[in-house]
């Protein structure tokens, strides 16, 4: 992610768009999510990230999900998503 992604919402949008692309590559979609782990650099960003998440995940297809605060590998990153999905 470039420096233009300064807010957790911007980063979440970018990351989830990338997840969509990767799911499509393996013939899956966000309707087939099994589990998602969300790592936040600061739990104070949970609400902003969750608004993006709620708009992205299809209604009725929310997977098992965990969210925690972690020191991320790159200091400019505010959020990371670890996704497991079934093939469509």
C-alpha atoms as a PDB file:
ATOM      1  CA  UNK A   1       0.000   0.000   0.000  1.00  0.00           C
ATOM      2  CA  UNK A   2       1.250   3.437  -0.853  1.00  0.00           C
ATOM      3  CA  UNK A   3       1.513   6.400   1.469  1.00  0.00           C
ATOM      4  CA  UNK A   4      -1.782   7.767   0.140  1.00  0.00           C
ATOM      5  CA  UNK A   5      -3.625   5.222   2.300  1.00  0.00           C
ATOM      6  CA  UNK A   6      -3.414   7.040   5.598  1.00  0.00           C
ATOM      7  CA  UNK A   7      -6.660   6.039   7.324  1.00  0.00           C
ATOM      8  CA  UNK A   8      -7.658   2.595   8.482  1.00  0.00           C
ATOM      9  CA  UNK A   9     -10.794   2.887   6.322  1.00  0.00           C
ATOM     10  CA  UNK A  10      -8.686   3.596   3.204  1.00  0.00           C
ATOM     11  CA  UNK A  11      -6.402   0.682   3.996  1.00  0.00           C
ATOM     12  CA  UNK A  12      -9.332  -1.650   4.718  1.00  0.00           C
ATOM     13  CA  UNK A  13     -10.970  -0.734   1.366  1.00  0.00           C
ATOM     14  CA  UNK A  14      -7.703  -1.389  -0.471  1.00  0.00           C
ATOM     15  CA  UNK A  15      -7.031  -4.666   1.350  1.00  0.00           C
ATOM     16  CA  UNK A  16     -10.554  -5.999   0.840  1.00  0.00           C
ATOM     17  CA  UNK A  17     -10.420  -5.095  -2.856  1.00  0.00           C
ATOM     18  CA  UNK A  18      -7.239  -7.173  -3.044  1.00  0.00           C
ATOM     19  CA  UNK A  19      -8.988 -10.006  -1.195  1.00  0.00           C
ATOM     20  CA  UNK A  20     -11.779  -9.865  -3.811  1.00  0.00           C
ATOM     21  CA  UNK A  21      -9.174 -10.177  -6.592  1.00  0.00           C
ATOM     22  CA  UNK A  22      -7.409 -13.088  -4.910  1.00  0.00           C
ATOM     23  CA  UNK A  23     -10.687 -14.890  -4.238  1.00  0.00           C
ATOM     24  CA  UNK A  24     -11.671 -14.480  -7.888  1.00  0.00           C
ATOM     25  CA  UNK A  25      -8.297 -15.927  -8.977  1.00  0.00           C
ATOM     26  CA  UNK A  26      -9.052 -19.125  -7.036  1.00  0.00           C
ATOM     27  CA  UNK A  27     -12.683 -19.262  -8.198  1.00  0.00           C
ATOM     28  CA  UNK A  28     -14.173 -18.173  -4.899  1.00  0.00           C
ATOM     29  CA  UNK A  29     -15.839 -15.051  -3.515  1.00  0.00           C
ATOM     30  CA  UNK A  30     -16.663 -13.248  -0.291  1.00  0.00           C
ATOM     31  CA  UNK A  31     -19.796 -15.415  -0.107  1.00  0.00           C
ATOM     32  CA  UNK A  32     -17.533 -18.424   0.581  1.00  0.00           C
ATOM     33  CA  UNK A  33     -15.448 -17.064   3.465  1.00  0.00           C
ATOM     34  CA  UNK A  34     -14.752 -19.582   6.207  1.00  0.00           C
ATOM     35  CA  UNK A  35     -12.708 -17.529   8.651  1.00  0.00           C
ATOM     36  CA  UNK A  36     -11.121 -14.083   8.781  1.00  0.00           C
ATOM     37  CA  UNK A  37      -8.601 -12.747  11.271  1.00  0.00           C
ATOM     38  CA  UNK A  38      -8.266  -8.975  11.344  1.00  0.00           C
ATOM     39  CA  UNK A  39      -5.146  -7.403  12.791  1.00  0.00           C
ATOM     40  CA  UNK A  40      -5.291  -3.742  13.773  1.00  0.00           C
ATOM     41  CA  UNK A  41      -2.312  -1.617  14.742  1.00  0.00           C
ATOM     42  CA  UNK A  42      -4.629   0.208  17.163  1.00  0.00           C
ATOM     43  CA  UNK A  43      -7.913  -1.192  18.475  1.00  0.00           C
ATOM     44  CA  UNK A  44      -9.222   2.393  18.563  1.00  0.00           C
ATOM     45  CA  UNK A  45      -9.614   1.948  14.766  1.00  0.00           C
ATOM     46  CA  UNK A  46     -12.040  -0.956  15.178  1.00  0.00           C
ATOM     47  CA  UNK A  47     -15.212   1.036  14.494  1.00  0.00           C
ATOM     48  CA  UNK A  48     -13.866   2.639  11.297  1.00  0.00           C
ATOM     49  CA  UNK A  49     -12.542  -0.704  10.021  1.00  0.00           C
ATOM     50  CA  UNK A  50     -15.778  -2.463  10.960  1.00  0.00           C
ATOM     51  CA  UNK A  51     -17.863   0.009   8.908  1.00  0.00           C
ATOM     52  CA  UNK A  52     -15.819  -0.929   5.845  1.00  0.00           C
ATOM     53  CA  UNK A  53     -16.046  -4.623   6.708  1.00  0.00           C
ATOM     54  CA  UNK A  54     -19.835  -4.502   7.177  1.00  0.00           C
ATOM     55  CA  UNK A  55     -20.263  -2.806   3.786  1.00  0.00           C
ATOM     56  CA  UNK A  56     -17.991  -5.386   2.098  1.00  0.00           C
ATOM     57  CA  UNK A  57     -19.148  -8.748   3.472  1.00  0.00           C
ATOM     58  CA  UNK A  58     -22.358  -9.971   1.790  1.00  0.00           C
ATOM     59  CA  UNK A  59     -25.397 -10.052   4.064  1.00  0.00           C
ATOM     60  CA  UNK A  60     -25.895 -13.526   5.474  1.00  0.00           C
ATOM     61  CA  UNK A  61     -22.317 -14.583   4.674  1.00  0.00           C
ATOM     62  CA  UNK A  62     -20.326 -13.322   7.666  1.00  0.00           C
ATOM     63  CA  UNK A  63     -17.635 -15.880   8.490  1.00  0.00           C
ATOM     64  CA  UNK A  64     -16.150 -16.712  11.854  1.00  0.00           C
ATOM     65  CA  UNK A  65     -14.062 -13.652  12.640  1.00  0.00           C
ATOM     66  CA  UNK A  66     -11.484 -12.577  15.178  1.00  0.00           C
ATOM     67  CA  UNK A  67      -9.969  -9.139  15.576  1.00  0.00           C
ATOM     68  CA  UNK A  68      -6.952  -8.206  17.645  1.00  0.00           C
ATOM     69  CA  UNK A  69      -4.476  -5.401  18.151  1.00  0.00           C
ATOM     70  CA  UNK A  70      -0.979  -6.279  16.943  1.00  0.00           C
ATOM     71  CA  UNK A  71       2.286  -4.584  16.146  1.00  0.00           C
ATOM     72  CA  UNK A  72       2.278  -4.955  12.359  1.00  0.00           C
ATOM     73  CA  UNK A  73       5.458  -5.632  10.392  1.00  0.00           C
ATOM     74  CA  UNK A  74       5.360  -2.307   8.532  1.00  0.00           C
ATOM     75  CA  UNK A  75       4.678   0.781  10.640  1.00  0.00           C
ATOM     76  CA  UNK A  76       2.503   2.508   8.009  1.00  0.00           C
ATOM     77  CA  UNK A  77       0.062  -0.425   7.967  1.00  0.00           C
ATOM     78  CA  UNK A  78      -2.997  -0.005  10.159  1.00  0.00           C
ATOM     79  CA  UNK A  79      -4.898  -3.177   9.256  1.00  0.00           C
ATOM     80  CA  UNK A  80      -4.275  -6.650   7.838  1.00  0.00           C
ATOM     81  CA  UNK A  81      -6.780  -9.372   6.907  1.00  0.00           C
ATOM     82  CA  UNK A  82      -6.001 -13.095   7.032  1.00  0.00           C
ATOM     83  CA  UNK A  83      -8.663 -14.872   4.981  1.00  0.00           C
ATOM     84  CA  UNK A  84      -9.677 -18.519   4.550  1.00  0.00           C
ATOM     85  CA  UNK A  85     -12.346 -19.319   1.975  1.00  0.00           C
ATOM     86  CA  UNK A  86     -13.849 -22.335   0.245  1.00  0.00           C
ATOM     87  CA  UNK A  87     -13.878 -22.709  -3.497  1.00  0.00           C
ATOM     88  CA  UNK A  88     -17.146 -21.651  -5.066  1.00  0.00           C
END
